[in-house]
Amino acid sequence: MAVLPPLLGVALLIGIWALLTAGSTSFPSPRATFDAAVKLFADPFYRNGPNDQGIGWNVLFSLQRVGLGFGLAAAIGIPLGFAIGRVEFFARMVSPLISLLKPVSPLAWLPIGLLVFKAAHPAAIWTIFICSIWPMVINTAVGVQRVPQDYLNVARVLNLSEWKVITRILLPAVLPYMLTGVRLSVGTAWLVIVAAEMLTGGVGIGFWVWDEWNNLNVQHIIVAIFVIGAVGLLLEQTLMWIARRYGHED
């Protein structure tokens, strides 16, 4: 019975879509879109040149860019969050910079990446990095700051090194906050990569959508929307599963 409400929601969406597109010649119906999807996924990994590749390859290229940019953001953002949470002077020094830069639209950073790296691929990775880092920095810092002072007092009594304080006390306590930041970062990164690839071109699901628009192939655009949503949902659900698993074990 747990799957019944989602199935009803999907059926309602398709029903409304079918009613609105009945007799339309400009917007594809659910049946026309389904037929186009069947043809697309019959061979999602074909290659007919660098700018003509299947939707599967485009999704994988986008995931690769997201993985690289997100990985760099995690490698820098999580330690930075620990430093902000642990050192008050450093927090006061860095917090104004974060408050200034965090509200900037991620795509505003794309021209800077193109200027510095002179290529679309690293510029897209840079854009993912800069939009992914803030949730991880902020959530990790908040988690460190909320660790009970009694835990740190015990560490002082036991004369634990800073490394042991981080790995044995702070990290287990902060992990739920970190996972929340990671989940927010992944969702943002997947949103941004589509827009960034539309602007930079090349290979990727964002460029693929824009290329299909130039070809006036609306069915493929709708299929891509569902694919983008499904991949984003899968990424988020995976991280939520990890968070629930950790909470259960805790």
C-alpha atoms as a PDB file:
ATOM      1  CA  MET A   1       0.000   0.000   0.000  1.00  0.00           C
ATOM      2  CA  ALA A   2       2.981   2.317   0.459  1.00  0.00           C
ATOM      3  CA  VAL A   3       3.418   2.624  -3.312  1.00  0.00           C
ATOM      4  CA  LEU A   4      -0.253   3.407  -3.981  1.00  0.00           C
ATOM      5  CA  PRO A   5      -0.174   7.185  -3.234  1.00  0.00           C
ATOM      6  CA  PRO A   6       2.883   7.828  -5.464  1.00  0.00           C
ATOM      7  CA  LEU A   7       1.328   5.785  -8.268  1.00  0.00           C
ATOM      8  CA  LEU A   8      -1.900   7.745  -7.962  1.00  0.00           C
ATOM      9  CA  GLY A   9       0.066  11.010  -8.070  1.00  0.00           C
ATOM     10  CA  VAL A  10       1.879   9.945 -11.249  1.00  0.00           C
ATOM     11  CA  ALA A  11      -1.398   8.788 -12.810  1.00  0.00           C
ATOM     12  CA  LEU A  12      -2.999  12.148 -11.970  1.00  0.00           C
ATOM     13  CA  LEU A  13      -0.099  14.018 -13.574  1.00  0.00           C
ATOM     14  CA  ILE A  14      -0.295  11.928 -16.741  1.00  0.00           C
ATOM     15  CA  GLY A  15      -4.089  12.313 -16.860  1.00  0.00           C
ATOM     16  CA  ILE A  16      -3.921  16.110 -16.600  1.00  0.00           C
ATOM     17  CA  TRP A  17      -1.122  16.147 -19.175  1.00  0.00           C
ATOM     18  CA  ALA A  18      -3.206  14.031 -21.576  1.00  0.00           C
ATOM     19  CA  LEU A  19      -6.259  16.277 -21.168  1.00  0.00           C
ATOM     20  CA  LEU A  20      -4.272  19.463 -21.752  1.00  0.00           C
ATOM     21  CA  THR A  21      -2.537  18.111 -24.847  1.00  0.00           C
ATOM     22  CA  ALA A  22      -5.572  16.446 -26.443  1.00  0.00           C
ATOM     23  CA  GLY A  23      -5.675  17.645 -30.039  1.00  0.00           C
ATOM     24  CA  SER A  24      -2.557  19.811 -29.583  1.00  0.00           C
ATOM     25  CA  THR A  25      -0.029  20.003 -32.405  1.00  0.00           C
ATOM     26  CA  SER A  26       2.571  22.101 -30.582  1.00  0.00           C
ATOM     27  CA  PHE A  27       2.999  20.174 -27.321  1.00  0.00           C
ATOM     28  CA  PRO A  28       3.505  16.387 -27.265  1.00  0.00           C
ATOM     29  CA  SER A  29       1.051  14.068 -25.555  1.00  0.00           C
ATOM     30  CA  PRO A  30       2.107  11.462 -22.973  1.00  0.00           C
ATOM     31  CA  ARG A  31       1.847   8.717 -25.630  1.00  0.00           C
ATOM     32  CA  ALA A  32       4.079  10.596 -28.094  1.00  0.00           C
ATOM     33  CA  THR A  33       6.597  11.283 -25.337  1.00  0.00           C
ATOM     34  CA  PHE A  34       6.557   7.624 -24.264  1.00  0.00           C
ATOM     35  CA  ASP A  35       7.185   6.485 -27.840  1.00  0.00           C
ATOM     36  CA  ALA A  36      10.122   8.901 -28.084  1.00  0.00           C
ATOM     37  CA  ALA A  37      11.497   7.613 -24.765  1.00  0.00           C
ATOM     38  CA  VAL A  38      11.326   4.008 -25.979  1.00  0.00           C
ATOM     39  CA  LYS A  39      13.415   4.925 -29.026  1.00  0.00           C
ATOM     40  CA  LEU A  40      15.900   6.907 -26.911  1.00  0.00           C
ATOM     41  CA  PHE A  41      16.464   4.144 -24.389  1.00  0.00           C
ATOM     42  CA  ALA A  42      16.628   1.442 -27.030  1.00  0.00           C
ATOM     43  CA  ASP A  43      20.240   2.588 -27.550  1.00  0.00           C
ATOM     44  CA  PRO A  44      21.182   5.175 -24.875  1.00  0.00           C
ATOM     45  CA  PHE A  45      24.940   4.714 -25.366  1.00  0.00           C
ATOM     46  CA  TYR A  46      25.403   5.168 -29.108  1.00  0.00           C
ATOM     47  CA  ARG A  47      28.170   7.399 -30.455  1.00  0.00           C
ATOM     48  CA  ASN A  48      28.103   9.148 -33.808  1.00  0.00           C
ATOM     49  CA  GLY A  49      30.759  11.736 -33.060  1.00  0.00           C
ATOM     50  CA  PRO A  50      31.697  14.052 -30.195  1.00  0.00           C
ATOM     51  CA  ASN A  51      28.474  16.084 -30.411  1.00  0.00           C
ATOM     52  CA  ASP A  52      26.078  13.245 -31.215  1.00  0.00           C
ATOM     53  CA  GLN A  53      25.942  10.769 -28.338  1.00  0.00           C
ATOM     54  CA  GLY A  54      23.174   8.880 -26.573  1.00  0.00           C
ATOM     55  CA  ILE A  55      21.369  10.237 -23.545  1.00  0.00           C
ATOM     56  CA  GLY A  56      23.145   7.692 -21.336  1.00  0.00           C
ATOM     57  CA  TRP A  57      26.576   9.105 -22.169  1.00  0.00           C
ATOM     58  CA  ASN A  58      25.336  12.652 -21.550  1.00  0.00           C
ATOM     59  CA  VAL A  59      24.003  11.727 -18.097  1.00  0.00           C
ATOM     60  CA  LEU A  60      27.302  10.002 -17.230  1.00  0.00           C
ATOM     61  CA  PHE A  61      29.344  13.022 -18.345  1.00  0.00           C
ATOM     62  CA  SER A  62      27.188  15.300 -16.187  1.00  0.00           C
ATOM     63  CA  LEU A  63      27.530  12.955 -13.211  1.00  0.00           C
ATOM     64  CA  GLN A  64      31.290  12.938 -13.726  1.00  0.00           C
ATOM     65  CA  ARG A  65      31.434  16.729 -13.579  1.00  0.00           C
ATOM     66  CA  VAL A  66      29.191  16.766 -10.510  1.00  0.00           C
ATOM     67  CA  GLY A  67      31.357  14.126  -8.841  1.00  0.00           C
ATOM     68  CA  LEU A  68      34.575  16.045  -9.458  1.00  0.00           C
ATOM     69  CA  GLY A  69      33.226  19.416  -8.379  1.00  0.00           C
ATOM     70  CA  PHE A  70      31.406  17.959  -5.394  1.00  0.00           C
ATOM     71  CA  GLY A  71      34.449  15.918  -4.341  1.00  0.00           C
ATOM     72  CA  LEU A  72      36.676  18.987  -4.369  1.00  0.00           C
ATOM     73  CA  ALA A  73      34.062  20.925  -2.405  1.00  0.00           C
ATOM     74  CA  ALA A  74      33.850  18.159   0.226  1.00  0.00           C
ATOM     75  CA  ALA A  75      37.645  17.897   0.495  1.00  0.00           C
ATOM     76  CA  ILE A  76      37.906  21.627   1.228  1.00  0.00           C
ATOM     77  CA  GLY A  77      34.519  22.493   2.733  1.00  0.00           C
ATOM     78  CA  ILE A  78      34.309  19.864   5.487  1.00  0.00           C
ATOM     79  CA  PRO A  79      37.763  20.602   6.986  1.00  0.00           C
ATOM     80  CA  LEU A  80      37.012  24.315   6.663  1.00  0.00           C
ATOM     81  CA  GLY A  81      33.749  23.781   8.560  1.00  0.00           C
ATOM     82  CA  PHE A  82      35.619  21.984  11.344  1.00  0.00           C
ATOM     83  CA  ALA A  83      38.113  24.856  11.543  1.00  0.00           C
ATOM     84  CA  ILE A  84      35.346  27.458  11.717  1.00  0.00           C
ATOM     85  CA  GLY A  85      33.538  25.512  14.411  1.00  0.00           C
ATOM     86  CA  ARG A  86      36.650  24.937  16.504  1.00  0.00           C
ATOM     87  CA  VAL A  87      38.493  28.267  16.292  1.00  0.00           C
ATOM     88  CA  GLU A  88      36.425  31.324  17.225  1.00  0.00           C
ATOM     89  CA  PHE A  89      38.916  33.833  15.793  1.00  0.00           C
ATOM     90  CA  PHE A  90      38.945  31.998  12.473  1.00  0.00           C
ATOM     91  CA  ALA A  91      35.141  31.866  12.481  1.00  0.00           C
ATOM     92  CA  ARG A  92      34.920  35.630  12.976  1.00  0.00           C
ATOM     93  CA  MET A  93      37.398  36.159  10.165  1.00  0.00           C
ATOM     94  CA  VAL A  94      35.764  33.853   7.613  1.00  0.00           C
ATOM     95  CA  SER A  95      32.058  34.242   8.407  1.00  0.00           C
ATOM     96  CA  PRO A  96      31.694  37.671   6.716  1.00  0.00           C
ATOM     97  CA  LEU A  97      33.269  36.280   3.545  1.00  0.00           C
ATOM     98  CA  ILE A  98      30.883  33.315   3.538  1.00  0.00           C
ATOM     99  CA  SER A  99      27.906  35.605   4.147  1.00  0.00           C
ATOM    100  CA  LEU A 100      29.029  37.763   1.221  1.00  0.00           C
ATOM    101  CA  LEU A 101      29.722  34.980  -1.285  1.00  0.00           C
ATOM    102  CA  LYS A 102      27.056  32.392  -0.404  1.00  0.00           C
ATOM    103  CA  PRO A 103      24.049  34.322  -1.847  1.00  0.00           C
ATOM    104  CA  VAL A 104      25.757  34.786  -5.232  1.00  0.00           C
ATOM    105  CA  SER A 105      24.063  32.780  -7.969  1.00  0.00           C
ATOM    106  CA  PRO A 106      26.261  29.814  -8.940  1.00  0.00           C
ATOM    107  CA  LEU A 107      26.017  30.687 -12.629  1.00  0.00           C
ATOM    108  CA  ALA A 108      27.532  34.093 -11.877  1.00  0.00           C
ATOM    109  CA  TRP A 109      30.768  32.200 -11.182  1.00  0.00           C
ATOM    110  CA  LEU A 110      30.755  30.484 -14.582  1.00  0.00           C
ATOM    111  CA  PRO A 111      32.342  33.394 -16.519  1.00  0.00           C
ATOM    112  CA  ILE A 112      35.134  33.517 -13.915  1.00  0.00           C
ATOM    113  CA  GLY A 113      35.780  29.830 -14.521  1.00  0.00           C
ATOM    114  CA  LEU A 114      35.828  30.337 -18.294  1.00  0.00           C
ATOM    115  CA  LEU A 115      38.228  33.265 -17.885  1.00  0.00           C
ATOM    116  CA  VAL A 116      40.622  31.356 -15.622  1.00  0.00           C
ATOM    117  CA  PHE A 117      40.523  27.863 -17.143  1.00  0.00           C
ATOM    118  CA  LYS A 118      39.931  28.800 -20.807  1.00  0.00           C
ATOM    119  CA  ALA A 119      37.774  25.687 -21.300  1.00  0.00           C
ATOM    120  CA  ALA A 120      34.173  24.689 -20.660  1.00  0.00           C
ATOM    121  CA  HIS A 121      34.801  21.394 -18.825  1.00  0.00           C
ATOM    122  CA  PRO A 122      36.902  22.774 -15.932  1.00  0.00           C
ATOM    123  CA  ALA A 123      34.700  25.881 -15.801  1.00  0.00           C
ATOM    124  CA  ALA A 124      31.638  23.682 -15.219  1.00  0.00           C
ATOM    125  CA  ILE A 125      33.493  21.755 -12.496  1.00  0.00           C
ATOM    126  CA  TRP A 126      34.486  25.066 -10.889  1.00  0.00           C
ATOM    127  CA  THR A 127      30.853  26.179 -10.892  1.00  0.00           C
ATOM    128  CA  ILE A 128      29.792  22.934  -9.198  1.00  0.00           C
ATOM    129  CA  PHE A 129      32.567  23.361  -6.644  1.00  0.00           C
ATOM    130  CA  ILE A 130      31.621  26.907  -5.692  1.00  0.00           C
ATOM    131  CA  CYS A 131      27.913  26.120  -5.345  1.00  0.00           C
ATOM    132  CA  SER A 132      28.493  22.864  -3.424  1.00  0.00           C
ATOM    133  CA  ILE A 133      30.923  24.074  -0.818  1.00  0.00           C
ATOM    134  CA  TRP A 134      28.698  26.425   1.207  1.00  0.00           C
ATOM    135  CA  PRO A 135      26.141  23.927   2.612  1.00  0.00           C
ATOM    136  CA  MET A 136      28.947  21.625   3.720  1.00  0.00           C
ATOM    137  CA  VAL A 137      30.952  24.410   5.341  1.00  0.00           C
ATOM    138  CA  ILE A 138      27.973  25.877   7.178  1.00  0.00           C
ATOM    139  CA  ASN A 139      26.400  22.604   8.342  1.00  0.00           C
ATOM    140  CA  THR A 140      29.715  21.169   9.491  1.00  0.00           C
ATOM    141  CA  ALA A 141      30.569  24.344  11.406  1.00  0.00           C
ATOM    142  CA  VAL A 142      27.137  24.383  13.073  1.00  0.00           C
ATOM    143  CA  GLY A 143      27.534  20.733  14.017  1.00  0.00           C
ATOM    144  CA  VAL A 144      30.926  21.361  15.626  1.00  0.00           C
ATOM    145  CA  GLN A 145      29.607  24.356  17.539  1.00  0.00           C
ATOM    146  CA  ARG A 146      26.707  22.294  18.908  1.00  0.00           C
ATOM    147  CA  VAL A 147      28.854  19.517  20.341  1.00  0.00           C
ATOM    148  CA  PRO A 148      28.162  19.473  24.105  1.00  0.00           C
ATOM    149  CA  GLN A 149      30.853  21.226  26.083  1.00  0.00           C
ATOM    150  CA  ASP A 150      30.985  18.262  28.487  1.00  0.00           C
ATOM    151  CA  TYR A 151      32.467  16.125  25.708  1.00  0.00           C
ATOM    152  CA  LEU A 152      35.273  18.627  25.185  1.00  0.00           C
ATOM    153  CA  ASN A 153      35.870  18.948  28.911  1.00  0.00           C
ATOM    154  CA  VAL A 154      36.378  15.192  29.146  1.00  0.00           C
ATOM    155  CA  ALA A 155      38.845  15.410  26.254  1.00  0.00           C
ATOM    156  CA  ARG A 156      40.837  18.032  28.162  1.00  0.00           C
ATOM    157  CA  VAL A 157      40.863  15.899  31.299  1.00  0.00           C
ATOM    158  CA  LEU A 158      42.140  12.928  29.296  1.00  0.00           C
ATOM    159  CA  ASN A 159      44.661  15.206  27.579  1.00  0.00           C
ATOM    160  CA  LEU A 160      43.581  14.027  24.125  1.00  0.00           C
ATOM    161  CA  SER A 161      45.355  15.415  21.086  1.00  0.00           C
ATOM    162  CA  GLU A 162      43.439  17.602  18.659  1.00  0.00           C
ATOM    163  CA  TRP A 163      43.419  14.769  16.130  1.00  0.00           C
ATOM    164  CA  LYS A 164      41.818  12.391  18.624  1.00  0.00           C
ATOM    165  CA  VAL A 165      39.286  15.061  19.635  1.00  0.00           C
ATOM    166  CA  ILE A 166      38.275  15.437  15.993  1.00  0.00           C
ATOM    167  CA  THR A 167      38.161  11.736  15.101  1.00  0.00           C
ATOM    168  CA  ARG A 168      36.752  10.289  18.348  1.00  0.00           C
ATOM    169  CA  ILE A 169      34.497  13.067  19.664  1.00  0.00           C
ATOM    170  CA  LEU A 170      33.675  15.652  17.033  1.00  0.00           C
ATOM    171  CA  LEU A 171      33.313  13.483  13.939  1.00  0.00           C
ATOM    172  CA  PRO A 172      30.681  11.069  15.360  1.00  0.00           C
ATOM    173  CA  ALA A 173      28.698  13.973  16.818  1.00  0.00           C
ATOM    174  CA  VAL A 174      28.946  16.129  13.701  1.00  0.00           C
ATOM    175  CA  LEU A 175      28.304  13.397  11.116  1.00  0.00           C
ATOM    176  CA  PRO A 176      24.501  13.963  10.918  1.00  0.00           C
ATOM    177  CA  TYR A 177      25.085  17.671  10.240  1.00  0.00           C
ATOM    178  CA  MET A 178      27.725  16.798   7.638  1.00  0.00           C
ATOM    179  CA  LEU A 179      25.371  14.403   5.866  1.00  0.00           C
ATOM    180  CA  THR A 180      22.690  17.094   5.750  1.00  0.00           C
ATOM    181  CA  GLY A 181      25.163  19.478   4.163  1.00  0.00           C
ATOM    182  CA  VAL A 182      26.277  16.812   1.698  1.00  0.00           C
ATOM    183  CA  ARG A 183      22.678  16.071   0.695  1.00  0.00           C
ATOM    184  CA  LEU A 184      21.935  19.764   0.127  1.00  0.00           C
ATOM    185  CA  SER A 185      25.158  20.172  -1.834  1.00  0.00           C
ATOM    186  CA  VAL A 186      24.484  17.241  -4.143  1.00  0.00           C
ATOM    187  CA  GLY A 187      20.983  18.504  -4.926  1.00  0.00           C
ATOM    188  CA  THR A 188      22.293  21.978  -5.692  1.00  0.00           C
ATOM    189  CA  ALA A 189      25.146  20.612  -7.801  1.00  0.00           C
ATOM    190  CA  TRP A 190      22.814  18.532  -9.947  1.00  0.00           C
ATOM    191  CA  LEU A 191      20.543  21.547 -10.483  1.00  0.00           C
ATOM    192  CA  VAL A 192      23.416  23.811 -11.458  1.00  0.00           C
ATOM    193  CA  ILE A 193      25.213  21.432 -13.834  1.00  0.00           C
ATOM    194  CA  VAL A 194      22.227  21.354 -16.194  1.00  0.00           C
ATOM    195  CA  ALA A 195      22.162  25.140 -16.505  1.00  0.00           C
ATOM    196  CA  ALA A 196      25.965  25.370 -16.737  1.00  0.00           C
ATOM    197  CA  GLU A 197      26.095  22.834 -19.564  1.00  0.00           C
ATOM    198  CA  MET A 198      23.411  24.740 -21.464  1.00  0.00           C
ATOM    199  CA  LEU A 199      25.706  27.764 -21.440  1.00  0.00           C
ATOM    200  CA  THR A 200      29.043  26.038 -22.049  1.00  0.00           C
ATOM    201  CA  GLY A 201      28.021  23.389 -24.587  1.00  0.00           C
ATOM    202  CA  GLY A 202      29.912  20.178 -25.195  1.00  0.00           C
ATOM    203  CA  VAL A 203      28.671  16.873 -23.793  1.00  0.00           C
ATOM    204  CA  GLY A 204      26.241  16.592 -20.879  1.00  0.00           C
ATOM    205  CA  ILE A 205      22.549  16.368 -20.172  1.00  0.00           C
ATOM    206  CA  GLY A 206      22.197  20.169 -20.044  1.00  0.00           C
ATOM    207  CA  PHE A 207      23.787  20.591 -23.468  1.00  0.00           C
ATOM    208  CA  TRP A 208      21.685  17.686 -24.752  1.00  0.00           C
ATOM    209  CA  VAL A 209      18.477  19.444 -23.670  1.00  0.00           C
ATOM    210  CA  TRP A 210      19.555  22.675 -25.345  1.00  0.00           C
ATOM    211  CA  ASP A 211      20.544  20.844 -28.514  1.00  0.00           C
ATOM    212  CA  GLU A 212      17.149  19.125 -28.639  1.00  0.00           C
ATOM    213  CA  TRP A 213      15.481  22.527 -28.231  1.00  0.00           C
ATOM    214  CA  ASN A 214      17.446  23.830 -31.204  1.00  0.00           C
ATOM    215  CA  ASN A 215      16.125  20.817 -33.111  1.00  0.00           C
ATOM    216  CA  LEU A 216      12.577  21.585 -31.824  1.00  0.00           C
ATOM    217  CA  ASN A 217      12.358  18.055 -30.423  1.00  0.00           C
ATOM    218  CA  VAL A 218      10.087  18.743 -27.457  1.00  0.00           C
ATOM    219  CA  GLN A 219       9.471  15.056 -26.749  1.00  0.00           C
ATOM    220  CA  HIS A 220      13.151  14.535 -26.014  1.00  0.00           C
ATOM    221  CA  ILE A 221      13.209  17.598 -23.768  1.00  0.00           C
ATOM    222  CA  ILE A 222      10.349  16.210 -21.672  1.00  0.00           C
ATOM    223  CA  VAL A 223      12.102  12.831 -21.467  1.00  0.00           C
ATOM    224  CA  ALA A 224      15.254  14.620 -20.309  1.00  0.00           C
ATOM    225  CA  ILE A 225      13.281  16.451 -17.617  1.00  0.00           C
ATOM    226  CA  PHE A 226      12.101  13.128 -16.200  1.00  0.00           C
ATOM    227  CA  VAL A 227      15.624  11.678 -16.433  1.00  0.00           C
ATOM    228  CA  ILE A 228      17.133  14.679 -14.640  1.00  0.00           C
ATOM    229  CA  GLY A 229      14.499  14.436 -11.929  1.00  0.00           C
ATOM    230  CA  ALA A 230      14.996  10.673 -11.539  1.00  0.00           C
ATOM    231  CA  VAL A 231      18.781  10.989 -11.222  1.00  0.00           C
ATOM    232  CA  GLY A 232      18.448  13.833  -8.708  1.00  0.00           C
ATOM    233  CA  LEU A 233      15.932  11.818  -6.701  1.00  0.00           C
ATOM    234  CA  LEU A 234      18.227   8.786  -6.735  1.00  0.00           C
ATOM    235  CA  LEU A 235      21.173  10.845  -5.478  1.00  0.00           C
ATOM    236  CA  GLU A 236      19.112  12.388  -2.680  1.00  0.00           C
ATOM    237  CA  GLN A 237      17.514   9.101  -1.632  1.00  0.00           C
ATOM    238  CA  THR A 238      20.908   7.423  -1.513  1.00  0.00           C
ATOM    239  CA  LEU A 239      22.255  10.066   0.851  1.00  0.00           C
ATOM    240  CA  MET A 240      19.096   9.958   2.965  1.00  0.00           C
ATOM    241  CA  TRP A 241      19.506   6.187   3.249  1.00  0.00           C
ATOM    242  CA  ILE A 242      23.077   6.679   4.443  1.00  0.00           C
ATOM    243  CA  ALA A 243      21.892   9.242   6.993  1.00  0.00           C
ATOM    244  CA  ARG A 244      19.126   6.923   8.284  1.00  0.00           C
ATOM    245  CA  ARG A 245      21.549   4.022   8.477  1.00  0.00           C
ATOM    246  CA  TYR A 246      23.980   6.048  10.555  1.00  0.00           C
ATOM    247  CA  GLY A 247      21.218   7.248  12.847  1.00  0.00           C
ATOM    248  CA  HIS A 248      20.030   3.674  13.347  1.00  0.00           C
ATOM    249  CA  GLU A 249      23.488   2.470  14.203  1.00  0.00           C
ATOM    250  CA  ASP A 250      23.956   5.377  16.582  1.00  0.00           C
END
